[in-house]
């Protein structure tokens, strides 16, 4: 049975190979136009985007307690 890598681990392995096997070179990569660049550290940057940009809880409807612009 052969061992399969997850897509992120395969990208990480490719980046390590591309940098000559040096992990520090992967972190300091200067090829910013590479399609794998955002994934080079073995993480999906899109996965945690909603967690870090989360806003405090807001009511779904704010029109209940607001006065009507057209009058009472």
C-alpha atoms as a PDB file:
ATOM      1  CA  UNK A   1       0.000   0.000   0.000  1.00  0.00           C
ATOM      2  CA  UNK A   2       1.416   3.407  -0.934  1.00  0.00           C
ATOM      3  CA  UNK A   3       1.177   6.484   1.229  1.00  0.00           C
ATOM      4  CA  UNK A   4      -0.841   9.404  -0.150  1.00  0.00           C
ATOM      5  CA  UNK A   5      -0.225  13.006   0.802  1.00  0.00           C
ATOM      6  CA  UNK A   6      -2.975  15.531   1.374  1.00  0.00           C
ATOM      7  CA  UNK A   7      -2.987  18.342  -1.194  1.00  0.00           C
ATOM      8  CA  UNK A   8      -1.488  20.820   1.297  1.00  0.00           C
ATOM      9  CA  UNK A   9       1.250  18.395   2.303  1.00  0.00           C
ATOM     10  CA  UNK A  10       2.014  17.717  -1.349  1.00  0.00           C
ATOM     11  CA  UNK A  11       2.306  21.465  -1.996  1.00  0.00           C
ATOM     12  CA  UNK A  12       4.575  21.841   1.029  1.00  0.00           C
ATOM     13  CA  UNK A  13       6.758  18.961  -0.193  1.00  0.00           C
ATOM     14  CA  UNK A  14       6.954  20.559  -3.644  1.00  0.00           C
ATOM     15  CA  UNK A  15       8.016  23.890  -2.131  1.00  0.00           C
ATOM     16  CA  UNK A  16      10.695  22.197  -0.037  1.00  0.00           C
ATOM     17  CA  UNK A  17      11.980  20.448  -3.155  1.00  0.00           C
ATOM     18  CA  UNK A  18      11.905  23.715  -5.131  1.00  0.00           C
ATOM     19  CA  UNK A  19      13.937  25.501  -2.437  1.00  0.00           C
ATOM     20  CA  UNK A  20      16.642  22.854  -2.414  1.00  0.00           C
ATOM     21  CA  UNK A  21      15.421  21.128   0.734  1.00  0.00           C
ATOM     22  CA  UNK A  22      15.862  24.156   2.985  1.00  0.00           C
ATOM     23  CA  UNK A  23      12.838  24.947   5.139  1.00  0.00           C
ATOM     24  CA  UNK A  24      13.983  28.516   5.784  1.00  0.00           C
ATOM     25  CA  UNK A  25      14.084  29.148   2.034  1.00  0.00           C
ATOM     26  CA  UNK A  26      10.457  28.041   1.775  1.00  0.00           C
ATOM     27  CA  UNK A  27       9.468  30.602   4.406  1.00  0.00           C
ATOM     28  CA  UNK A  28      11.564  33.329   2.742  1.00  0.00           C
ATOM     29  CA  UNK A  29      10.441  32.458  -0.795  1.00  0.00           C
ATOM     30  CA  UNK A  30      10.746  35.378  -3.215  1.00  0.00           C
ATOM     31  CA  UNK A  31       8.637  33.897  -6.029  1.00  0.00           C
ATOM     32  CA  UNK A  32       5.429  35.731  -5.111  1.00  0.00           C
ATOM     33  CA  UNK A  33       3.761  35.065  -8.469  1.00  0.00           C
ATOM     34  CA  UNK A  34       3.912  31.283  -7.960  1.00  0.00           C
ATOM     35  CA  UNK A  35       0.370  29.850  -7.734  1.00  0.00           C
ATOM     36  CA  UNK A  36       1.463  27.741  -4.752  1.00  0.00           C
ATOM     37  CA  UNK A  37       2.985  30.678  -2.841  1.00  0.00           C
ATOM     38  CA  UNK A  38       0.041  31.216  -0.427  1.00  0.00           C
ATOM     39  CA  UNK A  39       0.047  27.492   0.431  1.00  0.00           C
ATOM     40  CA  UNK A  40       3.831  27.037   0.801  1.00  0.00           C
ATOM     41  CA  UNK A  41       3.715  26.743   4.599  1.00  0.00           C
ATOM     42  CA  UNK A  42       1.255  23.833   4.435  1.00  0.00           C
ATOM     43  CA  UNK A  43      -1.797  25.895   5.385  1.00  0.00           C
ATOM     44  CA  UNK A  44      -4.785  27.102   3.419  1.00  0.00           C
ATOM     45  CA  UNK A  45      -4.960  30.877   3.928  1.00  0.00           C
ATOM     46  CA  UNK A  46      -8.618  30.941   2.841  1.00  0.00           C
ATOM     47  CA  UNK A  47      -9.736  28.528   5.522  1.00  0.00           C
ATOM     48  CA  UNK A  48      -9.136  30.859   8.449  1.00  0.00           C
ATOM     49  CA  UNK A  49     -10.151  34.096   6.735  1.00  0.00           C
ATOM     50  CA  UNK A  50     -13.654  34.198   8.240  1.00  0.00           C
ATOM     51  CA  UNK A  51     -12.407  33.508  11.755  1.00  0.00           C
ATOM     52  CA  UNK A  52      -9.974  36.409  11.813  1.00  0.00           C
ATOM     53  CA  UNK A  53     -12.367  38.855  10.145  1.00  0.00           C
ATOM     54  CA  UNK A  54     -15.293  37.948  12.351  1.00  0.00           C
ATOM     55  CA  UNK A  55     -17.411  40.850  13.542  1.00  0.00           C
ATOM     56  CA  UNK A  56     -19.205  41.017  16.892  1.00  0.00           C
ATOM     57  CA  UNK A  57     -22.725  39.640  17.012  1.00  0.00           C
ATOM     58  CA  UNK A  58     -25.213  42.017  15.417  1.00  0.00           C
ATOM     59  CA  UNK A  59     -28.970  41.693  15.282  1.00  0.00           C
ATOM     60  CA  UNK A  60     -30.227  40.412  11.971  1.00  0.00           C
ATOM     61  CA  UNK A  61     -32.752  43.191  11.632  1.00  0.00           C
ATOM     62  CA  UNK A  62     -32.064  46.708  12.923  1.00  0.00           C
ATOM     63  CA  UNK A  63     -35.223  48.261  11.502  1.00  0.00           C
ATOM     64  CA  UNK A  64     -37.454  47.295  14.442  1.00  0.00           C
ATOM     65  CA  UNK A  65     -36.261  50.038  16.812  1.00  0.00           C
ATOM     66  CA  UNK A  66     -35.334  52.688  14.235  1.00  0.00           C
ATOM     67  CA  UNK A  67     -37.743  55.500  13.378  1.00  0.00           C
ATOM     68  CA  UNK A  68     -39.226  55.488   9.912  1.00  0.00           C
ATOM     69  CA  UNK A  69     -37.649  58.052   7.567  1.00  0.00           C
ATOM     70  CA  UNK A  70     -41.034  58.926   6.041  1.00  0.00           C
ATOM     71  CA  UNK A  71     -42.668  59.814   9.332  1.00  0.00           C
ATOM     72  CA  UNK A  72     -44.346  58.065  12.303  1.00  0.00           C
END
